[in-house]
Amino acid sequence: MFSSIGPTGFILLAVIALLLFGPNKLPELGRAVGRTFREFKEGARDIISDDDASSRKEQEKAKPLAAETTTAEKPVDKRLPE
């Protein structure tokens, strides 16, 4: 995304931001942007972990069902040996 912007482009953007927001508001703006990115990352992690947890729950539900069918198919021999 920023591969076409060189060092002079970043300097120009910083100068424009300084002129628009002033030196007092610029740190606040930086913190707000940082918080926004952090919250976005946390939200993305939550969504991914929720998807992983739901798929694990589905797998755990399927495992006991598979175990029940295998034990039901094999009758237990309770006769004494001859």
N, C-alpha and C. Protein backbone atom coordinates (compact mmCIF):
# COMPACT_ATOMS: atom_id res chain seq x y z
N MET A 1 0.81 -1.18 0.00
CA MET A 1 0.00 0.00 0.00
C MET A 1 0.86 1.25 0.00
N PHE A 2 1.87 1.29 0.88
CA PHE A 2 2.74 2.46 0.96
C PHE A 2 4.04 2.26 0.20
N SER A 3 4.13 1.27 -0.64
CA SER A 3 5.37 1.00 -1.34
C SER A 3 5.72 2.09 -2.34
N SER A 4 4.75 2.83 -2.84
CA SER A 4 5.03 3.89 -3.80
C SER A 4 5.40 5.21 -3.13
N ILE A 5 5.20 5.32 -1.80
CA ILE A 5 5.55 6.54 -1.09
C ILE A 5 6.96 6.39 -0.55
N GLY A 6 7.84 7.29 -0.94
CA GLY A 6 9.23 7.26 -0.49
C GLY A 6 9.41 8.07 0.77
N PRO A 7 10.67 8.23 1.20
CA PRO A 7 10.96 9.00 2.41
C PRO A 7 10.51 10.47 2.29
N THR A 8 10.66 11.03 1.10
CA THR A 8 10.23 12.44 0.93
C THR A 8 8.71 12.54 1.04
N GLY A 9 7.99 11.53 0.61
CA GLY A 9 6.54 11.52 0.71
C GLY A 9 6.08 11.50 2.16
N PHE A 10 6.78 10.68 2.98
CA PHE A 10 6.44 10.64 4.40
C PHE A 10 6.74 11.97 5.09
N ILE A 11 7.84 12.58 4.73
CA ILE A 11 8.18 13.89 5.30
C ILE A 11 7.12 14.92 4.91
N LEU A 12 6.71 14.89 3.66
CA LEU A 12 5.68 15.82 3.20
C LEU A 12 4.36 15.59 3.94
N LEU A 13 3.99 14.34 4.14
CA LEU A 13 2.77 14.03 4.90
C LEU A 13 2.87 14.52 6.35
N ALA A 14 4.04 14.38 6.97
CA ALA A 14 4.23 14.85 8.33
C ALA A 14 4.10 16.36 8.42
N VAL A 15 4.68 17.08 7.44
CA VAL A 15 4.60 18.54 7.43
C VAL A 15 3.14 18.98 7.25
N ILE A 16 2.42 18.33 6.36
CA ILE A 16 1.01 18.67 6.13
C ILE A 16 0.18 18.39 7.39
N ALA A 17 0.44 17.26 8.05
CA ALA A 17 -0.28 16.94 9.29
C ALA A 17 0.02 17.97 10.36
N LEU A 18 1.28 18.42 10.45
CA LEU A 18 1.64 19.45 11.42
C LEU A 18 0.90 20.75 11.15
N LEU A 19 0.81 21.11 9.89
CA LEU A 19 0.11 22.35 9.53
C LEU A 19 -1.39 22.24 9.81
N LEU A 20 -1.98 21.09 9.51
CA LEU A 20 -3.43 20.93 9.70
C LEU A 20 -3.82 20.84 11.17
N PHE A 21 -3.10 20.02 11.94
CA PHE A 21 -3.53 19.72 13.30
C PHE A 21 -2.76 20.50 14.35
N GLY A 22 -1.60 21.00 14.03
CA GLY A 22 -0.79 21.72 15.00
C GLY A 22 0.03 20.77 15.85
N PRO A 23 1.09 21.28 16.47
CA PRO A 23 1.99 20.41 17.24
C PRO A 23 1.34 19.87 18.51
N ASN A 24 0.31 20.52 19.04
CA ASN A 24 -0.32 20.03 20.27
C ASN A 24 -1.28 18.88 20.01
N LYS A 25 -1.96 18.88 18.90
CA LYS A 25 -2.96 17.84 18.59
C LYS A 25 -2.34 16.61 17.94
N LEU A 26 -1.15 16.75 17.37
CA LEU A 26 -0.54 15.63 16.64
C LEU A 26 -0.28 14.41 17.53
N PRO A 27 0.25 14.55 18.74
CA PRO A 27 0.43 13.34 19.59
C PRO A 27 -0.90 12.67 19.94
N GLU A 28 -1.92 13.47 20.19
CA GLU A 28 -3.24 12.90 20.48
C GLU A 28 -3.77 12.12 19.28
N LEU A 29 -3.56 12.67 18.11
CA LEU A 29 -4.00 11.99 16.89
C LEU A 29 -3.26 10.67 16.70
N GLY A 30 -1.96 10.68 16.97
CA GLY A 30 -1.17 9.45 16.88
C GLY A 30 -1.64 8.39 17.85
N ARG A 31 -1.94 8.81 19.09
CA ARG A 31 -2.45 7.85 20.08
C ARG A 31 -3.79 7.27 19.65
N ALA A 32 -4.65 8.13 19.11
CA ALA A 32 -5.97 7.66 18.67
C ALA A 32 -5.83 6.64 17.53
N VAL A 33 -4.92 6.91 16.62
CA VAL A 33 -4.70 5.97 15.51
C VAL A 33 -4.14 4.65 16.05
N GLY A 34 -3.21 4.74 16.99
CA GLY A 34 -2.65 3.52 17.60
C GLY A 34 -3.69 2.70 18.32
N ARG A 35 -4.57 3.38 19.09
CA ARG A 35 -5.65 2.67 19.78
C ARG A 35 -6.59 2.00 18.79
N THR A 36 -6.88 2.70 17.71
CA THR A 36 -7.78 2.14 16.70
C THR A 36 -7.20 0.86 16.09
N PHE A 37 -5.91 0.90 15.75
CA PHE A 37 -5.28 -0.29 15.18
C PHE A 37 -5.25 -1.43 16.20
N ARG A 38 -4.96 -1.11 17.47
CA ARG A 38 -4.91 -2.14 18.50
C ARG A 38 -6.27 -2.79 18.69
N GLU A 39 -7.33 -1.98 18.73
CA GLU A 39 -8.68 -2.53 18.89
C GLU A 39 -9.08 -3.37 17.68
N PHE A 40 -8.66 -2.94 16.50
CA PHE A 40 -8.96 -3.72 15.29
C PHE A 40 -8.28 -5.08 15.36
N LYS A 41 -7.01 -5.09 15.77
CA LYS A 41 -6.29 -6.36 15.87
C LYS A 41 -6.94 -7.28 16.90
N GLU A 42 -7.31 -6.71 18.06
CA GLU A 42 -7.96 -7.52 19.09
C GLU A 42 -9.29 -8.08 18.61
N GLY A 43 -10.05 -7.27 17.89
CA GLY A 43 -11.31 -7.74 17.34
C GLY A 43 -11.11 -8.86 16.33
N ALA A 44 -10.07 -8.72 15.50
CA ALA A 44 -9.78 -9.76 14.52
C ALA A 44 -9.36 -11.05 15.23
N ARG A 45 -8.55 -10.93 16.29
CA ARG A 45 -8.15 -12.12 17.04
C ARG A 45 -9.35 -12.80 17.69
N ASP A 46 -10.25 -11.99 18.24
CA ASP A 46 -11.45 -12.55 18.86
C ASP A 46 -12.30 -13.32 17.85
N ILE A 47 -12.45 -12.76 16.67
CA ILE A 47 -13.25 -13.42 15.63
C ILE A 47 -12.59 -14.74 15.24
N ILE A 48 -11.27 -14.71 15.07
CA ILE A 48 -10.56 -15.93 14.69
C ILE A 48 -10.65 -16.97 15.79
N SER A 49 -10.48 -16.54 17.06
CA SER A 49 -10.55 -17.51 18.16
C SER A 49 -11.97 -18.05 18.33
N ASP A 50 -12.98 -17.21 18.08
CA ASP A 50 -14.36 -17.70 18.14
C ASP A 50 -14.61 -18.75 17.07
N ASP A 51 -14.09 -18.52 15.86
CA ASP A 51 -14.25 -19.51 14.79
C ASP A 51 -13.55 -20.80 15.14
N ASP A 52 -12.32 -20.69 15.71
CA ASP A 52 -11.59 -21.89 16.10
C ASP A 52 -12.32 -22.64 17.21
N ALA A 53 -12.85 -21.92 18.18
CA ALA A 53 -13.55 -22.55 19.30
C ALA A 53 -14.82 -23.26 18.82
N SER A 54 -15.55 -22.63 17.90
CA SER A 54 -16.77 -23.27 17.42
C SER A 54 -16.45 -24.52 16.60
N SER A 55 -15.36 -24.48 15.82
CA SER A 55 -15.01 -25.68 15.05
C SER A 55 -14.54 -26.79 15.98
N ARG A 56 -13.84 -26.42 17.08
CA ARG A 56 -13.41 -27.44 18.05
C ARG A 56 -14.62 -28.08 18.73
N LYS A 57 -15.61 -27.25 19.08
CA LYS A 57 -16.81 -27.78 19.73
C LYS A 57 -17.54 -28.75 18.80
N GLU A 58 -17.60 -28.41 17.52
CA GLU A 58 -18.25 -29.30 16.56
C GLU A 58 -17.50 -30.61 16.46
N GLN A 59 -16.16 -30.55 16.48
CA GLN A 59 -15.36 -31.78 16.41
C GLN A 59 -15.54 -32.62 17.67
N GLU A 60 -15.62 -31.95 18.83
CA GLU A 60 -15.80 -32.70 20.08
C GLU A 60 -17.17 -33.36 20.13
N LYS A 61 -18.18 -32.72 19.57
CA LYS A 61 -19.51 -33.32 19.52
C LYS A 61 -19.52 -34.52 18.59
N ALA A 62 -18.77 -34.48 17.53
CA ALA A 62 -18.73 -35.57 16.57
C ALA A 62 -17.97 -36.77 17.12
N LYS A 63 -16.95 -36.56 17.94
CA LYS A 63 -16.15 -37.66 18.48
C LYS A 63 -16.97 -38.61 19.35
N PRO A 64 -17.74 -38.12 20.33
CA PRO A 64 -18.54 -39.06 21.14
C PRO A 64 -19.57 -39.80 20.31
N LEU A 65 -20.13 -39.16 19.32
CA LEU A 65 -21.09 -39.84 18.47
C LEU A 65 -20.43 -40.99 17.73
N ALA A 66 -19.22 -40.78 17.25
CA ALA A 66 -18.51 -41.83 16.55
C ALA A 66 -18.16 -42.96 17.52
N ALA A 67 -17.79 -42.64 18.75
CA ALA A 67 -17.45 -43.67 19.73
C ALA A 67 -18.68 -44.47 20.10
N GLU A 68 -19.82 -43.84 20.21
CA GLU A 68 -21.05 -44.55 20.55
C GLU A 68 -21.45 -45.53 19.46
N THR A 69 -21.27 -45.17 18.22
CA THR A 69 -21.65 -46.06 17.13
C THR A 69 -20.73 -47.26 17.06
N THR A 70 -19.45 -47.10 17.38
CA THR A 70 -18.54 -48.24 17.32
C THR A 70 -18.81 -49.20 18.46
N THR A 71 -19.15 -48.71 19.65
CA THR A 71 -19.42 -49.63 20.76
C THR A 71 -20.78 -50.30 20.58
N ALA A 72 -21.72 -49.63 19.93
CA ALA A 72 -23.04 -50.22 19.72
C ALA A 72 -22.97 -51.32 18.68
N GLU A 73 -22.06 -51.23 17.75
CA GLU A 73 -21.96 -52.22 16.69
C GLU A 73 -21.30 -53.50 17.17
N LYS A 74 -20.44 -53.41 18.18
CA LYS A 74 -19.73 -54.59 18.67
C LYS A 74 -20.42 -55.09 19.94
N PRO A 75 -21.07 -56.25 19.87
CA PRO A 75 -21.69 -56.78 21.08
C PRO A 75 -20.62 -57.31 22.03
N VAL A 76 -20.87 -57.16 23.30
CA VAL A 76 -19.92 -57.60 24.31
C VAL A 76 -20.22 -59.06 24.65
N ASP A 77 -19.19 -59.89 24.61
CA ASP A 77 -19.34 -61.32 24.92
C ASP A 77 -19.11 -61.52 26.42
N LYS A 78 -20.17 -61.86 27.14
CA LYS A 78 -20.08 -62.01 28.59
C LYS A 78 -20.08 -63.47 29.03
N ARG A 79 -19.86 -64.39 28.09
CA ARG A 79 -19.85 -65.81 28.44
C ARG A 79 -18.53 -66.17 29.11
N LEU A 80 -18.58 -67.17 29.97
CA LEU A 80 -17.36 -67.65 30.60
C LEU A 80 -16.59 -68.52 29.62
N PRO A 81 -15.28 -68.49 29.71
CA PRO A 81 -14.50 -69.35 28.79
C PRO A 81 -14.73 -70.82 29.11
N GLU A 82 -14.72 -71.67 28.10
CA GLU A 82 -15.01 -73.11 28.28
C GLU A 82 -13.78 -73.91 28.51
